[in-house]
Amino acid sequence: MAGKDTCFIKVNGDVIPCPAFYDLKDWHGGNIEKQKLEYIWRDDKTFDELRRFDYANLKGICGSCSHVNKCQGRCPAARARAYNNIKTGPDPACPAEYFQIHA
């Protein structure tokens, strides 16, 4: 899971939770040319927020969706891109959202 057990280092040294966060500057954790990866991984607010996030507390339609235990809100980068935070759902590619709207 992005930021919980993986990270990605961009060519310029920026550390991000996964490649899906590539263009989301607010979600870049730090830069390995300026800080040790260990510090970024352990202490940076970006990774801390992702580790502390509990999908059971998702806001929006996800909060009442019967599928949230399976999907866990899907992609946090997609939620960050769509809503400017990871706490609101659904992921714009959510199939359950599609079926609820078009049912």
PDB file of N, CA and C in Angstrom:
ATOM      1  N   MET A   1       0.844  -1.167   0.000  1.00  0.00           N
ATOM      2  CA  MET A   1       0.000   0.000   0.000  1.00  0.00           C
ATOM      3  C   MET A   1       0.895   1.238   0.000  1.00  0.00           C
ATOM      4  N   ALA A   2       0.540   2.199  -0.817  1.00  0.00           N
ATOM      5  CA  ALA A   2       1.333   3.422  -1.000  1.00  0.00           C
ATOM      6  C   ALA A   2       1.615   4.113   0.327  1.00  0.00           C
ATOM      7  N   GLY A   3       2.886   4.336   0.589  1.00  0.00           N
ATOM      8  CA  GLY A   3       3.292   5.053   1.785  1.00  0.00           C
ATOM      9  C   GLY A   3       3.278   4.241   3.055  1.00  0.00           C
ATOM     10  N   LYS A   4       2.683   3.061   3.008  1.00  0.00           N
ATOM     11  CA  LYS A   4       2.643   2.200   4.191  1.00  0.00           C
ATOM     12  C   LYS A   4       3.738   1.144   4.144  1.00  0.00           C
ATOM     13  N   ASP A   5       3.946   0.580   2.968  1.00  0.00           N
ATOM     14  CA  ASP A   5       5.019  -0.414   2.844  1.00  0.00           C
ATOM     15  C   ASP A   5       5.823  -0.238   1.551  1.00  0.00           C
ATOM     16  N   THR A   6       5.541   0.824   0.818  1.00  0.00           N
ATOM     17  CA  THR A   6       6.305   1.114  -0.398  1.00  0.00           C
ATOM     18  C   THR A   6       6.529   2.608  -0.544  1.00  0.00           C
ATOM     19  N   CYS A   7       7.551   2.941  -1.306  1.00  0.00           N
ATOM     20  CA  CYS A   7       7.759   4.324  -1.719  1.00  0.00           C
ATOM     21  C   CYS A   7       8.437   4.290  -3.077  1.00  0.00           C
ATOM     22  N   PHE A   8       8.537   5.438  -3.696  1.00  0.00           N
ATOM     23  CA  PHE A   8       9.097   5.563  -5.033  1.00  0.00           C
ATOM     24  C   PHE A   8      10.022   6.767  -5.019  1.00  0.00           C
ATOM     25  N   ILE A   9      11.202   6.619  -5.589  1.00  0.00           N
ATOM     26  CA  ILE A   9      12.148   7.727  -5.652  1.00  0.00           C
ATOM     27  C   ILE A   9      12.238   8.207  -7.097  1.00  0.00           C
ATOM     28  N   LYS A  10      11.883   9.472  -7.294  1.00  0.00           N
ATOM     29  CA  LYS A  10      11.928  10.062  -8.627  1.00  0.00           C
ATOM     30  C   LYS A  10      13.389  10.331  -9.020  1.00  0.00           C
ATOM     31  N   VAL A  11      13.623  10.547 -10.287  1.00  0.00           N
ATOM     32  CA  VAL A  11      14.970  10.806 -10.806  1.00  0.00           C
ATOM     33  C   VAL A  11      15.624  11.991 -10.099  1.00  0.00           C
ATOM     34  N   ASN A  12      14.839  12.989  -9.720  1.00  0.00           N
ATOM     35  CA  ASN A  12      15.396  14.173  -9.053  1.00  0.00           C
ATOM     36  C   ASN A  12      15.623  13.966  -7.551  1.00  0.00           C
ATOM     37  N   GLY A  13      15.285  12.774  -7.035  1.00  0.00           N
ATOM     38  CA  GLY A  13      15.499  12.462  -5.623  1.00  0.00           C
ATOM     39  C   GLY A  13      14.276  12.617  -4.748  1.00  0.00           C
ATOM     40  N   ASP A  14      13.179  13.163  -5.279  1.00  0.00           N
ATOM     41  CA  ASP A  14      11.951  13.288  -4.495  1.00  0.00           C
ATOM     42  C   ASP A  14      11.418  11.906  -4.153  1.00  0.00           C
ATOM     43  N   VAL A  15      10.973  11.749  -2.914  1.00  0.00           N
ATOM     44  CA  VAL A  15      10.415  10.479  -2.447  1.00  0.00           C
ATOM     45  C   VAL A  15       8.898  10.636  -2.365  1.00  0.00           C
ATOM     46  N   ILE A  16       8.185   9.756  -3.051  1.00  0.00           N
ATOM     47  CA  ILE A  16       6.730   9.807  -3.082  1.00  0.00           C
ATOM     48  C   ILE A  16       6.180   8.436  -2.705  1.00  0.00           C
ATOM     49  N   PRO A  17       4.925   8.378  -2.261  1.00  0.00           N
ATOM     50  CA  PRO A  17       4.350   7.108  -1.816  1.00  0.00           C
ATOM     51  C   PRO A  17       4.260   6.040  -2.909  1.00  0.00           C
ATOM     52  N   CYS A  18       3.969   6.445  -4.132  1.00  0.00           N
ATOM     53  CA  CYS A  18       3.927   5.525  -5.271  1.00  0.00           C
ATOM     54  C   CYS A  18       3.937   6.366  -6.541  1.00  0.00           C
ATOM     55  N   PRO A  19       4.145   5.768  -7.705  1.00  0.00           N
ATOM     56  CA  PRO A  19       4.198   6.549  -8.943  1.00  0.00           C
ATOM     57  C   PRO A  19       2.930   7.358  -9.244  1.00  0.00           C
ATOM     58  N   ALA A  20       1.792   6.944  -8.717  1.00  0.00           N
ATOM     59  CA  ALA A  20       0.549   7.688  -8.965  1.00  0.00           C
ATOM     60  C   ALA A  20       0.579   9.087  -8.349  1.00  0.00           C
ATOM     61  N   PHE A  21       1.464   9.321  -7.385  1.00  0.00           N
ATOM     62  CA  PHE A  21       1.609  10.637  -6.751  1.00  0.00           C
ATOM     63  C   PHE A  21       2.624  11.509  -7.488  1.00  0.00           C
ATOM     64  N   TYR A  22       3.117  11.057  -8.620  1.00  0.00           N
ATOM     65  CA  TYR A  22       4.232  11.700  -9.327  1.00  0.00           C
ATOM     66  C   TYR A  22       4.053  13.209  -9.504  1.00  0.00           C
ATOM     67  N   ASP A  23       2.902  13.637  -9.926  1.00  0.00           N
ATOM     68  CA  ASP A  23       2.685  15.057 -10.226  1.00  0.00           C
ATOM     69  C   ASP A  23       1.988  15.814  -9.094  1.00  0.00           C
ATOM     70  N   LEU A  24       1.783  15.179  -7.963  1.00  0.00           N
ATOM     71  CA  LEU A  24       1.104  15.815  -6.828  1.00  0.00           C
ATOM     72  C   LEU A  24       2.148  16.331  -5.837  1.00  0.00           C
ATOM     73  N   LYS A  25       2.615  17.551  -6.056  1.00  0.00           N
ATOM     74  CA  LYS A  25       3.725  18.122  -5.269  1.00  0.00           C
ATOM     75  C   LYS A  25       3.451  18.119  -3.763  1.00  0.00           C
ATOM     76  N   ASP A  26       2.196  18.309  -3.360  1.00  0.00           N
ATOM     77  CA  ASP A  26       1.876  18.323  -1.929  1.00  0.00           C
ATOM     78  C   ASP A  26       2.090  16.968  -1.270  1.00  0.00           C
ATOM     79  N   TRP A  27       2.249  15.926  -2.057  1.00  0.00           N
ATOM     80  CA  TRP A  27       2.411  14.579  -1.524  1.00  0.00           C
ATOM     81  C   TRP A  27       3.833  14.053  -1.714  1.00  0.00           C
ATOM     82  N   HIS A  28       4.763  14.927  -2.022  1.00  0.00           N
ATOM     83  CA  HIS A  28       6.171  14.522  -2.091  1.00  0.00           C
ATOM     84  C   HIS A  28       6.725  14.573  -0.673  1.00  0.00           C
ATOM     85  N   GLY A  29       7.348  13.486  -0.261  1.00  0.00           N
ATOM     86  CA  GLY A  29       7.775  13.368   1.125  1.00  0.00           C
ATOM     87  C   GLY A  29       9.060  14.077   1.481  1.00  0.00           C
ATOM     88  N   GLY A  30       9.926  14.263   0.590  1.00  0.00           N
ATOM     89  CA  GLY A  30      11.224  14.851   0.855  1.00  0.00           C
ATOM     90  C   GLY A  30      12.130  14.505  -0.312  1.00  0.00           C
ATOM     91  N   ASN A  31      13.403  14.788  -0.163  1.00  0.00           N
ATOM     92  CA  ASN A  31      14.341  14.535  -1.249  1.00  0.00           C
ATOM     93  C   ASN A  31      15.581  13.863  -0.674  1.00  0.00           C
ATOM     94  N   ILE A  32      15.992  12.742  -1.265  1.00  0.00           N
ATOM     95  CA  ILE A  32      17.121  11.989  -0.712  1.00  0.00           C
ATOM     96  C   ILE A  32      18.456  12.697  -0.903  1.00  0.00           C
ATOM     97  N   GLU A  33      18.476  13.752  -1.695  1.00  0.00           N
ATOM     98  CA  GLU A  33      19.706  14.543  -1.816  1.00  0.00           C
ATOM     99  C   GLU A  33      19.849  15.507  -0.643  1.00  0.00           C
ATOM    100  N   LYS A  34      18.753  15.724   0.100  1.00  0.00           N
ATOM    101  CA  LYS A  34      18.764  16.662   1.232  1.00  0.00           C
ATOM    102  C   LYS A  34      18.568  15.965   2.575  1.00  0.00           C
ATOM    103  N   GLN A  35      17.927  14.795   2.570  1.00  0.00           N
ATOM    104  CA  GLN A  35      17.631  14.062   3.798  1.00  0.00           C
ATOM    105  C   GLN A  35      17.863  12.571   3.565  1.00  0.00           C
ATOM    106  N   LYS A  36      18.107  11.858   4.637  1.00  0.00           N
ATOM    107  CA  LYS A  36      18.228  10.411   4.529  1.00  0.00           C
ATOM    108  C   LYS A  36      16.854   9.804   4.285  1.00  0.00           C
ATOM    109  N   LEU A  37      16.833   8.763   3.464  1.00  0.00           N
ATOM    110  CA  LEU A  37      15.585   8.062   3.183  1.00  0.00           C
ATOM    111  C   LEU A  37      14.943   7.577   4.477  1.00  0.00           C
ATOM    112  N   GLU A  38      15.743   7.115   5.409  1.00  0.00           N
ATOM    113  CA  GLU A  38      15.216   6.632   6.692  1.00  0.00           C
ATOM    114  C   GLU A  38      14.384   7.718   7.383  1.00  0.00           C
ATOM    115  N   TYR A  39      14.898   8.952   7.403  1.00  0.00           N
ATOM    116  CA  TYR A  39      14.156  10.054   8.030  1.00  0.00           C
ATOM    117  C   TYR A  39      12.857  10.329   7.275  1.00  0.00           C
ATOM    118  N   ILE A  40      12.951  10.416   5.954  1.00  0.00           N
ATOM    119  CA  ILE A  40      11.758  10.696   5.151  1.00  0.00           C
ATOM    120  C   ILE A  40      10.702   9.625   5.408  1.00  0.00           C
ATOM    121  N   TRP A  41      11.107   8.368   5.363  1.00  0.00           N
ATOM    122  CA  TRP A  41      10.180   7.252   5.546  1.00  0.00           C
ATOM    123  C   TRP A  41       9.550   7.280   6.940  1.00  0.00           C
ATOM    124  N   ARG A  42      10.363   7.530   7.952  1.00  0.00           N
ATOM    125  CA  ARG A  42       9.903   7.428   9.340  1.00  0.00           C
ATOM    126  C   ARG A  42       9.184   8.692   9.823  1.00  0.00           C
ATOM    127  N   ASP A  43       9.660   9.874   9.419  1.00  0.00           N
ATOM    128  CA  ASP A  43       9.202  11.102  10.059  1.00  0.00           C
ATOM    129  C   ASP A  43       8.451  12.095   9.177  1.00  0.00           C
ATOM    130  N   ASP A  44       8.428  11.899   7.891  1.00  0.00           N
ATOM    131  CA  ASP A  44       7.783  12.885   7.027  1.00  0.00           C
ATOM    132  C   ASP A  44       6.266  12.846   7.183  1.00  0.00           C
ATOM    133  N   LYS A  45       5.639  14.027   7.156  1.00  0.00           N
ATOM    134  CA  LYS A  45       4.189  14.123   7.355  1.00  0.00           C
ATOM    135  C   LYS A  45       3.387  13.415   6.268  1.00  0.00           C
ATOM    136  N   THR A  46       3.902  13.379   5.042  1.00  0.00           N
ATOM    137  CA  THR A  46       3.196  12.698   3.950  1.00  0.00           C
ATOM    138  C   THR A  46       3.034  11.213   4.253  1.00  0.00           C
ATOM    139  N   PHE A  47       4.125  10.567   4.601  1.00  0.00           N
ATOM    140  CA  PHE A  47       4.065   9.134   4.884  1.00  0.00           C
ATOM    141  C   PHE A  47       3.325   8.857   6.184  1.00  0.00           C
ATOM    142  N   ASP A  48       3.473   9.754   7.154  1.00  0.00           N
ATOM    143  CA  ASP A  48       2.753   9.603   8.417  1.00  0.00           C
ATOM    144  C   ASP A  48       1.244   9.656   8.184  1.00  0.00           C
ATOM    145  N   GLU A  49       0.797  10.610   7.369  1.00  0.00           N
ATOM    146  CA  GLU A  49      -0.640  10.718   7.101  1.00  0.00           C
ATOM    147  C   GLU A  49      -1.181   9.463   6.414  1.00  0.00           C
ATOM    148  N   LEU A  50      -0.445   8.940   5.471  1.00  0.00           N
ATOM    149  CA  LEU A  50      -0.893   7.719   4.791  1.00  0.00           C
ATOM    150  C   LEU A  50      -0.916   6.527   5.739  1.00  0.00           C
ATOM    151  N   ARG A  51       0.058   6.424   6.620  1.00  0.00           N
ATOM    152  CA  ARG A  51       0.084   5.304   7.572  1.00  0.00           C
ATOM    153  C   ARG A  51      -1.024   5.406   8.613  1.00  0.00           C
ATOM    154  N   ARG A  52      -1.356   6.612   9.037  1.00  0.00           N
ATOM    155  CA  ARG A  52      -2.397   6.795  10.052  1.00  0.00           C
ATOM    156  C   ARG A  52      -3.808   6.726   9.475  1.00  0.00           C
ATOM    157  N   PHE A  53      -3.937   6.875   8.174  1.00  0.00           N
ATOM    158  CA  PHE A  53      -5.256   6.916   7.561  1.00  0.00           C
ATOM    159  C   PHE A  53      -5.968   5.573   7.695  1.00  0.00           C
ATOM    160  N   ASP A  54      -7.216   5.636   8.118  1.00  0.00           N
ATOM    161  CA  ASP A  54      -8.054   4.443   8.254  1.00  0.00           C
ATOM    162  C   ASP A  54      -9.197   4.559   7.244  1.00  0.00           C
ATOM    163  N   TYR A  55      -9.216   3.665   6.271  1.00  0.00           N
ATOM    164  CA  TYR A  55     -10.230   3.731   5.216  1.00  0.00           C
ATOM    165  C   TYR A  55     -11.652   3.665   5.761  1.00  0.00           C
ATOM    166  N   ALA A  56     -11.823   3.124   6.963  1.00  0.00           N
ATOM    167  CA  ALA A  56     -13.160   3.043   7.555  1.00  0.00           C
ATOM    168  C   ALA A  56     -13.714   4.435   7.852  1.00  0.00           C
ATOM    169  N   ASN A  57     -12.856   5.447   7.861  1.00  0.00           N
ATOM    170  CA  ASN A  57     -13.279   6.817   8.133  1.00  0.00           C
ATOM    171  C   ASN A  57     -13.409   7.664   6.860  1.00  0.00           C
ATOM    172  N   LEU A  58     -13.459   7.033   5.703  1.00  0.00           N
ATOM    173  CA  LEU A  58     -13.614   7.779   4.456  1.00  0.00           C
ATOM    174  C   LEU A  58     -14.894   8.592   4.463  1.00  0.00           C
ATOM    175  N   LYS A  59     -14.802   9.798   3.964  1.00  0.00           N
ATOM    176  CA  LYS A  59     -15.973  10.670   3.842  1.00  0.00           C
ATOM    177  C   LYS A  59     -16.547  10.520   2.434  1.00  0.00           C
ATOM    178  N   GLY A  60     -17.710  11.081   2.229  1.00  0.00           N
ATOM    179  CA  GLY A  60     -18.355  10.980   0.930  1.00  0.00           C
ATOM    180  C   GLY A  60     -19.102   9.664   0.808  1.00  0.00           C
ATOM    181  N   ILE A  61     -19.373   9.270  -0.396  1.00  0.00           N
ATOM    182  CA  ILE A  61     -20.175   8.076  -0.641  1.00  0.00           C
ATOM    183  C   ILE A  61     -19.516   6.804  -0.079  1.00  0.00           C
ATOM    184  N   CYS A  62     -18.199   6.807   0.043  1.00  0.00           N
ATOM    185  CA  CYS A  62     -17.492   5.633   0.575  1.00  0.00           C
ATOM    186  C   CYS A  62     -17.898   5.329   2.017  1.00  0.00           C
ATOM    187  N   GLY A  63     -18.257   6.359   2.760  1.00  0.00           N
ATOM    188  CA  GLY A  63     -18.614   6.178   4.162  1.00  0.00           C
ATOM    189  C   GLY A  63     -19.804   5.255   4.363  1.00  0.00           C
ATOM    190  N   SER A  64     -20.670   5.143   3.374  1.00  0.00           N
ATOM    191  CA  SER A  64     -21.845   4.281   3.507  1.00  0.00           C
ATOM    192  C   SER A  64     -21.847   3.135   2.497  1.00  0.00           C
ATOM    193  N   CYS A  65     -20.743   2.939   1.808  1.00  0.00           N
ATOM    194  CA  CYS A  65     -20.685   1.908   0.772  1.00  0.00           C
ATOM    195  C   CYS A  65     -20.419   0.532   1.381  1.00  0.00           C
ATOM    196  N   SER A  66     -21.145  -0.455   0.917  1.00  0.00           N
ATOM    197  CA  SER A  66     -20.968  -1.820   1.426  1.00  0.00           C
ATOM    198  C   SER A  66     -19.688  -2.479   0.904  1.00  0.00           C
ATOM    199  N   HIS A  67     -19.012  -1.861  -0.048  1.00  0.00           N
ATOM    200  CA  HIS A  67     -17.802  -2.446  -0.627  1.00  0.00           C
ATOM    201  C   HIS A  67     -16.509  -1.886  -0.025  1.00  0.00           C
ATOM    202  N   VAL A  68     -16.604  -0.903   0.869  1.00  0.00           N
ATOM    203  CA  VAL A  68     -15.403  -0.219   1.357  1.00  0.00           C
ATOM    204  C   VAL A  68     -14.430  -1.170   2.059  1.00  0.00           C
ATOM    205  N   ASN A  69     -14.910  -2.216   2.676  1.00  0.00           N
ATOM    206  CA  ASN A  69     -14.002  -3.175   3.319  1.00  0.00           C
ATOM    207  C   ASN A  69     -13.158  -3.931   2.307  1.00  0.00           C
ATOM    208  N   LYS A  70     -13.668  -4.075   1.096  1.00  0.00           N
ATOM    209  CA  LYS A  70     -12.916  -4.763   0.042  1.00  0.00           C
ATOM    210  C   LYS A  70     -11.960  -3.817  -0.682  1.00  0.00           C
ATOM    211  N   CYS A  71     -12.451  -2.658  -1.064  1.00  0.00           N
ATOM    212  CA  CYS A  71     -11.634  -1.768  -1.897  1.00  0.00           C
ATOM    213  C   CYS A  71     -10.764  -0.821  -1.079  1.00  0.00           C
ATOM    214  N   GLN A  72     -11.156  -0.541   0.153  1.00  0.00           N
ATOM    215  CA  GLN A  72     -10.432   0.370   1.042  1.00  0.00           C
ATOM    216  C   GLN A  72     -10.259   1.758   0.421  1.00  0.00           C
ATOM    217  N   GLY A  73     -11.227   2.156  -0.377  1.00  0.00           N
ATOM    218  CA  GLY A  73     -11.184   3.479  -0.985  1.00  0.00           C
ATOM    219  C   GLY A  73     -10.360   3.561  -2.249  1.00  0.00           C
ATOM    220  N   ARG A  74      -9.840   2.419  -2.666  1.00  0.00           N
ATOM    221  CA  ARG A  74      -9.005   2.326  -3.862  1.00  0.00           C
ATOM    222  C   ARG A  74      -7.782   3.224  -3.777  1.00  0.00           C
ATOM    223  N   CYS A  75      -7.507   4.020  -4.758  1.00  0.00           N
ATOM    224  CA  CYS A  75      -6.239   4.742  -4.882  1.00  0.00           C
ATOM    225  C   CYS A  75      -6.229   6.075  -4.129  1.00  0.00           C
ATOM    226  N   PRO A  76      -5.351   6.229  -3.118  1.00  0.00           N
ATOM    227  CA  PRO A  76      -5.300   7.510  -2.413  1.00  0.00           C
ATOM    228  C   PRO A  76      -4.822   8.655  -3.311  1.00  0.00           C
ATOM    229  N   ALA A  77      -3.978   8.379  -4.287  1.00  0.00           N
ATOM    230  CA  ALA A  77      -3.523   9.443  -5.200  1.00  0.00           C
ATOM    231  C   ALA A  77      -4.684   9.947  -6.053  1.00  0.00           C
ATOM    232  N   ALA A  78      -5.535   9.059  -6.498  1.00  0.00           N
ATOM    233  CA  ALA A  78      -6.693   9.474  -7.294  1.00  0.00           C
ATOM    234  C   ALA A  78      -7.639  10.321  -6.456  1.00  0.00           C
ATOM    235  N   ARG A  79      -7.803   9.962  -5.181  1.00  0.00           N
ATOM    236  CA  ARG A  79      -8.646  10.776  -4.291  1.00  0.00           C
ATOM    237  C   ARG A  79      -7.995  12.135  -4.034  1.00  0.00           C
ATOM    238  N   ALA A  80      -6.687  12.147  -3.840  1.00  0.00           N
ATOM    239  CA  ALA A  80      -5.975  13.412  -3.619  1.00  0.00           C
ATOM    240  C   ALA A  80      -6.106  14.319  -4.838  1.00  0.00           C
ATOM    241  N   ARG A  81      -6.021  13.729  -6.002  1.00  0.00           N
ATOM    242  CA  ARG A  81      -6.132  14.506  -7.244  1.00  0.00           C
ATOM    243  C   ARG A  81      -7.559  15.049  -7.426  1.00  0.00           C
ATOM    244  N   ALA A  82      -8.548  14.232  -7.119  1.00  0.00           N
ATOM    245  CA  ALA A  82      -9.943  14.625  -7.344  1.00  0.00           C
ATOM    246  C   ALA A  82     -10.483  15.564  -6.271  1.00  0.00           C
ATOM    247  N   TYR A  83     -10.094  15.344  -5.007  1.00  0.00           N
ATOM    248  CA  TYR A  83     -10.697  16.082  -3.893  1.00  0.00           C
ATOM    249  C   TYR A  83      -9.695  16.904  -3.090  1.00  0.00           C
ATOM    250  N   ASN A  84      -8.429  16.866  -3.491  1.00  0.00           N
ATOM    251  CA  ASN A  84      -7.351  17.561  -2.796  1.00  0.00           C
ATOM    252  C   ASN A  84      -7.109  17.014  -1.388  1.00  0.00           C
ATOM    253  N   ASN A  85      -7.540  15.788  -1.129  1.00  0.00           N
ATOM    254  CA  ASN A  85      -7.254  15.097   0.130  1.00  0.00           C
ATOM    255  C   ASN A  85      -7.487  13.606  -0.076  1.00  0.00           C
ATOM    256  N   ILE A  86      -7.011  12.807   0.865  1.00  0.00           N
ATOM    257  CA  ILE A  86      -7.194  11.354   0.739  1.00  0.00           C
ATOM    258  C   ILE A  86      -8.369  10.851   1.569  1.00  0.00           C
ATOM    259  N   LYS A  87      -9.035  11.753   2.277  1.00  0.00           N
ATOM    260  CA  LYS A  87     -10.087  11.346   3.207  1.00  0.00           C
ATOM    261  C   LYS A  87     -11.475  11.360   2.597  1.00  0.00           C
ATOM    262  N   THR A  88     -11.591  11.851   1.377  1.00  0.00           N
ATOM    263  CA  THR A  88     -12.886  11.914   0.701  1.00  0.00           C
ATOM    264  C   THR A  88     -12.882  10.920  -0.452  1.00  0.00           C
ATOM    265  N   GLY A  89     -13.979  10.236  -0.615  1.00  0.00           N
ATOM    266  CA  GLY A  89     -14.088   9.280  -1.698  1.00  0.00           C
ATOM    267  C   GLY A  89     -15.378   9.515  -2.465  1.00  0.00           C
ATOM    268  N   PRO A  90     -15.509   8.823  -3.525  1.00  0.00           N
ATOM    269  CA  PRO A  90     -14.706   7.684  -3.963  1.00  0.00           C
ATOM    270  C   PRO A  90     -13.586   8.080  -4.912  1.00  0.00           C
ATOM    271  N   ASP A  91     -12.722   7.130  -5.120  1.00  0.00           N
ATOM    272  CA  ASP A  91     -11.765   7.204  -6.218  1.00  0.00           C
ATOM    273  C   ASP A  91     -12.606   7.432  -7.479  1.00  0.00           C
ATOM    274  N   PRO A  92     -12.236   8.370  -8.337  1.00  0.00           N
ATOM    275  CA  PRO A  92     -13.033   8.633  -9.537  1.00  0.00           C
ATOM    276  C   PRO A  92     -13.258   7.410 -10.434  1.00  0.00           C
ATOM    277  N   ALA A  93     -12.440   6.389 -10.313  1.00  0.00           N
ATOM    278  CA  ALA A  93     -12.615   5.184 -11.122  1.00  0.00           C
ATOM    279  C   ALA A  93     -13.416   4.104 -10.392  1.00  0.00           C
ATOM    280  N   CYS A  94     -14.087   4.460  -9.329  1.00  0.00           N
ATOM    281  CA  CYS A  94     -14.816   3.486  -8.507  1.00  0.00           C
ATOM    282  C   CYS A  94     -15.987   2.872  -9.269  1.00  0.00           C
ATOM    283  N   PRO A  95     -15.984   1.560  -9.465  1.00  0.00           N
ATOM    284  CA  PRO A  95     -17.111   0.937 -10.173  1.00  0.00           C
ATOM    285  C   PRO A  95     -18.392   0.952  -9.341  1.00  0.00           C
ATOM    286  N   ALA A  96     -18.306   0.888  -8.030  1.00  0.00           N
ATOM    287  CA  ALA A  96     -19.509   0.919  -7.190  1.00  0.00           C
ATOM    288  C   ALA A  96     -20.212   2.263  -7.342  1.00  0.00           C
ATOM    289  N   GLU A  97     -19.451   3.351  -7.417  1.00  0.00           N
ATOM    290  CA  GLU A  97     -20.020   4.685  -7.621  1.00  0.00           C
ATOM    291  C   GLU A  97     -20.774   4.722  -8.946  1.00  0.00           C
ATOM    292  N   TYR A  98     -20.207   4.164  -9.977  1.00  0.00           N
ATOM    293  CA  TYR A  98     -20.851   4.135 -11.282  1.00  0.00           C
ATOM    294  C   TYR A  98     -22.195   3.402 -11.206  1.00  0.00           C
ATOM    295  N   PHE A  99     -22.188   2.253 -10.566  1.00  0.00           N
ATOM    296  CA  PHE A  99     -23.416   1.468 -10.507  1.00  0.00           C
ATOM    297  C   PHE A  99     -24.471   2.119  -9.625  1.00  0.00           C
ATOM    298  N   GLN A 100     -24.070   2.833  -8.573  1.00  0.00           N
ATOM    299  CA  GLN A 100     -25.036   3.520  -7.726  1.00  0.00           C
ATOM    300  C   GLN A 100     -25.697   4.682  -8.460  1.00  0.00           C
ATOM    301  N   ILE A 101     -24.922   5.394  -9.270  1.00  0.00           N
ATOM    302  CA  ILE A 101     -25.464   6.530 -10.023  1.00  0.00           C
ATOM    303  C   ILE A 101     -26.366   6.046 -11.157  1.00  0.00           C
ATOM    304  N   HIS A 102     -25.980   4.966 -11.808  1.00  0.00           N
ATOM    305  CA  HIS A 102     -26.701   4.504 -12.988  1.00  0.00           C
ATOM    306  C   HIS A 102     -27.690   3.364 -12.713  1.00  0.00           C
ATOM    307  N   ALA A 103     -27.963   3.112 -11.469  1.00  0.00           N
ATOM    308  CA  ALA A 103     -28.883   2.013 -11.128  1.00  0.00           C
ATOM    309  C   ALA A 103     -30.327   2.415 -11.356  1.00  0.00           C
TER     310      ALA A 103
END
